[in-house]
Amino acid sequence: MISSLRIISDALPAFVFRKDISTHTQGILNPRTMANLDSQGRGISGAIVIGKRVAYPRESVIAFLAQQVRPRKNRGPSPSQK
């Protein structure tokens, strides 16, 4: 996943507008989810407002994504593999 973050990071502009975040993160983050997290104080840090649009610094987007990474739980073989 870390190499995926590097690929995303290389493609991000200096600031990512909330409405475009899904496109820039290959669908990992949703603008509505980010708006909800921002309203709860749990969103991406360093957000700025330009007119009526919210933008996030590239480094803050990458740091937020890195915090979301967790190992997948191994549930064992599926019933068809037993």
Protein backbone atom coordinates (compact mmCIF):
# COMPACT_ATOMS: atom_id res chain seq x y z
CA MET A 1 0.00 0.00 0.00
CA ILE A 2 2.91 2.34 0.67
CA SER A 3 3.93 2.18 -3.01
CA SER A 4 0.32 3.07 -3.90
CA LEU A 5 0.59 6.13 -1.67
CA ARG A 6 3.76 7.15 -3.48
CA ILE A 7 1.99 6.84 -6.85
CA ILE A 8 -0.94 8.92 -5.60
CA SER A 9 1.42 11.47 -4.04
CA ASP A 10 3.33 11.94 -7.28
CA ALA A 11 0.09 12.67 -9.13
CA LEU A 12 -1.40 15.12 -6.61
CA PRO A 13 -1.36 18.87 -7.19
CA ALA A 14 -0.08 21.13 -4.39
CA PHE A 15 -3.67 21.55 -3.14
CA VAL A 16 -6.51 19.10 -3.73
CA PHE A 17 -10.03 20.49 -3.81
CA ARG A 18 -12.53 18.45 -1.81
CA LYS A 19 -14.83 18.04 -4.82
CA ASP A 20 -11.93 16.48 -6.79
CA ILE A 21 -10.49 14.27 -4.03
CA SER A 22 -12.10 11.07 -5.30
CA THR A 23 -10.51 11.50 -8.72
CA HIS A 24 -7.08 12.31 -7.30
CA THR A 25 -7.11 9.38 -4.82
CA GLN A 26 -8.41 6.84 -7.34
CA GLY A 27 -11.74 6.59 -5.49
CA ILE A 28 -10.26 5.93 -2.04
CA LEU A 29 -11.68 9.13 -0.54
CA ASN A 30 -15.17 10.51 -1.19
CA PRO A 31 -15.93 14.25 -1.06
CA ARG A 32 -19.09 13.74 1.02
CA THR A 33 -17.24 11.56 3.51
CA MET A 34 -14.51 14.18 3.78
CA ALA A 35 -17.12 16.91 4.40
CA ASN A 36 -18.64 14.79 7.18
CA LEU A 37 -15.24 14.08 8.76
CA ASP A 38 -14.32 17.78 8.52
CA SER A 39 -17.53 18.75 10.33
CA GLN A 40 -16.65 16.27 13.10
CA GLY A 41 -13.09 17.58 13.38
CA ARG A 42 -11.68 14.25 12.14
CA GLY A 43 -10.88 15.23 8.54
CA ILE A 44 -7.68 16.11 6.74
CA SER A 45 -5.67 18.69 8.66
CA GLY A 46 -4.62 22.00 7.16
CA ALA A 47 -7.75 22.49 5.06
CA ILE A 48 -8.13 25.95 3.57
CA VAL A 49 -11.14 27.70 2.05
CA ILE A 50 -10.82 29.44 -1.31
CA GLY A 51 -14.06 31.23 -2.03
CA LYS A 52 -16.61 28.57 -1.16
CA ARG A 53 -14.35 25.63 -1.97
CA VAL A 54 -12.33 23.59 0.51
CA ALA A 55 -8.82 22.47 -0.46
CA TYR A 56 -6.34 20.21 1.30
CA PRO A 57 -2.52 20.40 1.10
CA ARG A 58 -0.92 17.45 -0.72
CA GLU A 59 1.15 16.44 2.31
CA SER A 60 -1.95 16.41 4.55
CA VAL A 61 -3.86 14.18 2.10
CA ILE A 62 -0.99 11.68 2.02
CA ALA A 63 -0.66 11.73 5.83
CA PHE A 64 -4.42 11.15 6.18
CA LEU A 65 -4.29 8.22 3.75
CA ALA A 66 -1.31 6.73 5.59
CA GLN A 67 -3.27 6.85 8.86
CA GLN A 68 -6.10 4.91 7.23
CA VAL A 69 -3.87 2.00 6.16
CA ARG A 70 -4.36 -1.17 8.16
CA PRO A 71 -3.57 -4.81 7.44
CA ARG A 72 -6.37 -6.92 6.07
CA LYS A 73 -7.72 -9.47 8.52
CA ASN A 74 -7.13 -13.00 7.36
CA ARG A 75 -10.37 -14.88 7.83
CA GLY A 76 -8.92 -18.20 6.80
CA PRO A 77 -9.82 -20.26 3.76
CA SER A 78 -13.25 -19.90 2.26
CA PRO A 79 -15.66 -22.83 2.69
CA SER A 80 -15.11 -23.84 -0.93
CA GLN A 81 -11.35 -24.19 -0.26
CA LYS A 82 -11.73 -26.61 2.66
